[in-house]
Amino acid sequence: MASSLPRLIVLISGSGTNLQAILDACAGGHLSAQVVLVVSNRKGAYGLVRAEQAGVPTFYFPLKPYTDAGRTRAEYDADLAHRLVPFAPDLIVLAGWMHVFSPAFLAPFAGKVINLHPALPGMFPGAHAIARAYEAWRSGQIAYSGCMVHDVIPEVDAGPVIARRIVPFQPDDTLETYEARMHAAEHELIVEAIRLALARRVSAE
């Protein structure tokens, strides 16, 4: 008998610690959902191993063959979307996914794509956000940073915010200690935001 739980697709590019937090929350009954597919654009991403260990199907889909053939990112986005449609996701979660989607991907999944970013709204969009925030704190520009989950739009790390978490700096912080606290906050926030996003979809139906 097929499960009636909401269906999640998680997209990753790296170690997959946030994916693990999602898998653990689903397995432990803290998140009423199921991960039906994990996608990576990097073959060596350890998140693929995490998915396989949890019995979740995986899909490796790199951009390089497209760029090597002179094809556009929009073509890549459209092809990836086409491959995900049969999985009928209720929500697509970008958890450390290092690729900015165009409308070619987002249009088929309108209102269903969310992204985790380790900075607060309007601060440090793009890559290396934690390190950039740490340097800004050391130079006295900011007193705290944080993380957020937001709806995905074509603009990088923008879109309506679903949930956020402030992560203050501590006087003796190194980049490593601050990163560790940020990641711990991310692991909690991503589960909370998925729960909120799914509840929002139910209430809209």
Protein backbone atom coordinates (compact mmCIF):
# COMPACT_ATOMS: atom_id res chain seq x y z
CA MET A 1 0.00 0.00 0.00
CA ALA A 2 1.45 3.38 -1.01
CA SER A 3 2.17 5.84 1.74
CA SER A 4 -0.05 8.90 1.96
CA LEU A 5 2.69 10.98 3.58
CA PRO A 6 3.73 14.17 1.78
CA ARG A 7 6.49 13.50 -0.73
CA LEU A 8 9.83 15.35 -0.51
CA ILE A 9 12.62 15.59 -3.06
CA VAL A 10 15.87 16.87 -1.56
CA LEU A 11 18.57 18.44 -3.74
CA ILE A 12 22.15 18.49 -2.45
CA SER A 13 25.67 19.25 -3.63
CA GLY A 14 27.78 18.21 -0.65
CA SER A 15 28.01 16.24 2.58
CA GLY A 16 24.28 16.19 3.19
CA THR A 17 24.14 16.95 6.91
CA ASN A 18 20.89 18.84 6.44
CA LEU A 19 19.56 15.94 4.39
CA GLN A 20 20.46 13.68 7.33
CA ALA A 21 18.49 15.93 9.67
CA ILE A 22 15.47 15.57 7.38
CA LEU A 23 15.86 11.79 7.08
CA ASP A 24 16.23 11.43 10.86
CA ALA A 25 13.16 13.61 11.51
CA CYS A 26 11.09 11.52 9.09
CA ALA A 27 12.33 8.23 10.54
CA GLY A 28 11.77 9.40 14.12
CA GLY A 29 8.24 10.59 13.50
CA HIS A 30 9.14 14.26 14.09
CA LEU A 31 8.31 15.14 10.49
CA SER A 32 5.25 13.62 8.82
CA ALA A 33 6.76 13.28 5.36
CA GLN A 34 8.84 10.92 3.25
CA VAL A 35 11.91 11.60 1.15
CA VAL A 36 11.22 9.93 -2.21
CA LEU A 37 14.36 11.05 -4.07
CA VAL A 38 17.71 12.72 -3.41
CA VAL A 39 19.35 14.56 -6.32
CA SER A 40 22.96 15.72 -6.51
CA ASN A 41 24.81 17.69 -9.18
CA ARG A 42 28.11 16.42 -7.77
CA LYS A 43 29.03 12.75 -8.07
CA GLY A 44 31.17 12.67 -4.92
CA ALA A 45 28.56 14.28 -2.67
CA TYR A 46 28.42 12.25 0.55
CA GLY A 47 24.73 13.04 0.78
CA LEU A 48 24.19 10.39 -1.91
CA VAL A 49 25.66 7.81 0.48
CA ARG A 50 23.40 9.04 3.28
CA ALA A 51 20.37 8.62 1.01
CA GLU A 52 21.40 5.12 -0.06
CA GLN A 53 21.93 4.11 3.57
CA ALA A 54 18.39 5.28 4.30
CA GLY A 55 17.00 3.33 1.34
CA VAL A 56 16.11 6.47 -0.62
CA PRO A 57 16.58 6.50 -4.42
CA THR A 58 19.29 8.85 -5.72
CA PHE A 59 19.89 10.67 -8.97
CA TYR A 60 23.15 12.26 -10.14
CA PHE A 61 22.55 15.01 -12.68
CA PRO A 62 25.59 17.19 -13.49
CA LEU A 63 25.61 20.48 -15.34
CA LYS A 64 28.98 19.97 -17.04
CA PRO A 65 27.73 17.82 -19.97
CA TYR A 66 25.36 20.66 -20.83
CA THR A 67 28.00 23.38 -20.72
CA ASP A 68 30.48 21.16 -22.61
CA ALA A 69 27.89 20.74 -25.37
CA GLY A 70 27.15 24.46 -25.50
CA ARG A 71 23.72 23.98 -23.98
CA THR A 72 22.23 26.51 -21.57
CA ARG A 73 21.54 26.36 -17.85
CA ALA A 74 17.86 26.80 -18.70
CA GLU A 75 17.98 23.61 -20.77
CA TYR A 76 19.58 21.80 -17.84
CA ASP A 77 16.91 23.18 -15.51
CA ALA A 78 14.08 22.14 -17.81
CA ASP A 79 15.48 18.62 -18.24
CA LEU A 80 15.92 18.17 -14.50
CA ALA A 81 12.38 19.37 -13.86
CA HIS A 82 11.09 16.92 -16.47
CA ARG A 83 12.84 14.06 -14.64
CA LEU A 84 11.42 15.05 -11.25
CA VAL A 85 7.78 15.52 -12.30
CA PRO A 86 7.02 11.73 -12.23
CA PHE A 87 7.96 11.63 -8.52
CA ALA A 88 5.00 13.94 -7.79
CA PRO A 89 6.74 15.93 -5.06
CA ASP A 90 4.71 17.92 -2.58
CA LEU A 91 7.86 19.90 -1.78
CA ILE A 92 11.35 20.23 -3.26
CA VAL A 93 13.96 21.12 -0.66
CA LEU A 94 17.28 22.69 -1.68
CA ALA A 95 19.61 21.69 1.16
CA GLY A 96 23.09 22.80 0.20
CA TRP A 97 22.28 22.75 -3.52
CA MET A 98 24.89 24.90 -5.31
CA HIS A 99 23.04 25.87 -8.46
CA VAL A 100 20.74 28.83 -9.04
CA PHE A 101 17.53 27.72 -10.76
CA SER A 102 15.90 29.59 -13.61
CA PRO A 103 12.14 29.74 -14.26
CA ALA A 104 12.63 26.69 -16.50
CA PHE A 105 12.89 24.59 -13.34
CA LEU A 106 10.75 26.64 -10.99
CA ALA A 107 7.65 27.03 -13.20
CA PRO A 108 6.56 23.35 -13.12
CA PHE A 109 6.83 23.35 -9.32
CA ALA A 110 5.36 26.76 -8.51
CA GLY A 111 5.17 27.30 -4.76
CA LYS A 112 6.84 23.96 -4.05
CA VAL A 113 10.57 24.80 -4.00
CA ILE A 114 12.25 25.98 -0.80
CA ASN A 115 15.90 26.73 -0.02
CA LEU A 116 18.02 26.73 3.12
CA HIS A 117 20.58 29.55 3.29
CA PRO A 118 23.02 30.22 6.16
CA ALA A 119 22.32 33.94 6.43
CA LEU A 120 19.41 36.18 7.34
CA PRO A 121 17.16 37.88 4.77
CA GLY A 122 19.00 40.46 2.71
CA MET A 123 22.39 39.56 4.19
CA PHE A 124 25.22 37.62 2.52
CA PRO A 125 23.44 36.07 -0.47
CA GLY A 126 25.40 33.53 -2.49
CA ALA A 127 28.32 31.32 -1.55
CA HIS A 128 30.50 31.36 1.60
CA ALA A 129 27.84 33.19 3.61
CA ILE A 130 29.03 31.91 7.00
CA ALA A 131 32.65 32.92 6.41
CA ARG A 132 31.58 36.32 5.09
CA ALA A 133 29.37 36.90 8.15
CA TYR A 134 32.21 35.86 10.46
CA GLU A 135 34.58 38.37 8.85
CA ALA A 136 31.90 41.09 9.08
CA TRP A 137 31.53 40.34 12.80
CA ARG A 138 35.30 40.44 13.36
CA SER A 139 35.46 43.86 11.71
CA GLY A 140 32.61 45.14 13.91
CA GLN A 141 29.99 45.44 11.17
CA ILE A 142 27.44 42.99 12.65
CA ALA A 143 26.64 41.46 16.04
CA TYR A 144 24.88 38.32 14.79
CA SER A 145 23.96 36.34 11.73
CA GLY A 146 21.66 33.37 11.27
CA CYS A 147 19.96 31.11 8.79
CA MET A 148 16.69 31.04 6.90
CA VAL A 149 14.50 28.92 4.69
CA HIS A 150 12.70 30.74 1.91
CA ASP A 151 10.61 30.14 -1.16
CA VAL A 152 12.83 29.99 -4.23
CA ILE A 153 12.65 32.63 -6.94
CA PRO A 154 15.16 33.21 -9.75
CA GLU A 155 16.97 35.84 -7.65
CA VAL A 156 19.72 34.33 -5.49
CA ASP A 157 18.74 33.65 -1.86
CA ALA A 158 15.69 35.86 -2.09
CA GLY A 159 11.99 35.00 -2.01
CA PRO A 160 9.49 35.04 0.86
CA VAL A 161 10.94 33.76 4.13
CA ILE A 162 9.28 30.71 5.70
CA ALA A 163 11.38 30.51 8.87
CA ARG A 164 14.56 32.03 10.24
CA ARG A 165 16.88 31.53 13.19
CA ILE A 166 19.32 34.07 14.68
CA VAL A 167 22.72 32.64 15.57
CA PRO A 168 24.63 35.14 17.76
CA PHE A 169 28.39 35.37 17.82
CA GLN A 170 30.27 34.60 21.02
CA PRO A 171 33.36 36.59 22.06
CA ASP A 172 35.75 33.65 21.63
CA ASP A 173 34.28 32.36 18.38
CA THR A 174 36.51 30.98 15.68
CA LEU A 175 35.10 30.41 12.21
CA GLU A 176 34.95 26.69 13.04
CA THR A 177 32.99 27.10 16.29
CA TYR A 178 30.59 29.53 14.65
CA GLU A 179 30.09 27.22 11.66
CA ALA A 180 29.28 24.35 14.04
CA ARG A 181 26.58 26.37 15.82
CA MET A 182 25.19 27.59 12.50
CA HIS A 183 24.92 24.04 11.17
CA ALA A 184 23.19 22.88 14.36
CA ALA A 185 20.66 25.69 13.91
CA GLU A 186 20.20 24.78 10.24
CA HIS A 187 19.40 21.16 11.11
CA GLU A 188 16.56 22.28 13.37
CA LEU A 189 15.34 25.05 11.08
CA ILE A 190 15.10 22.92 7.93
CA VAL A 191 12.76 20.45 9.65
CA GLU A 192 10.65 23.26 11.11
CA ALA A 193 10.42 25.01 7.73
CA ILE A 194 9.41 21.85 5.87
CA ARG A 195 6.64 21.34 8.42
CA LEU A 196 5.47 24.93 7.92
CA ALA A 197 5.65 24.74 4.13
CA LEU A 198 3.67 21.51 4.02
CA ALA A 199 1.04 22.94 6.40
CA ARG A 200 0.79 26.00 4.19
CA ARG A 201 0.14 23.83 1.14
CA VAL A 202 -2.58 21.88 2.94
CA SER A 203 -4.32 25.05 4.09
CA ALA A 204 -4.21 26.45 0.54
CA GLU A 205 -5.95 23.40 -0.95
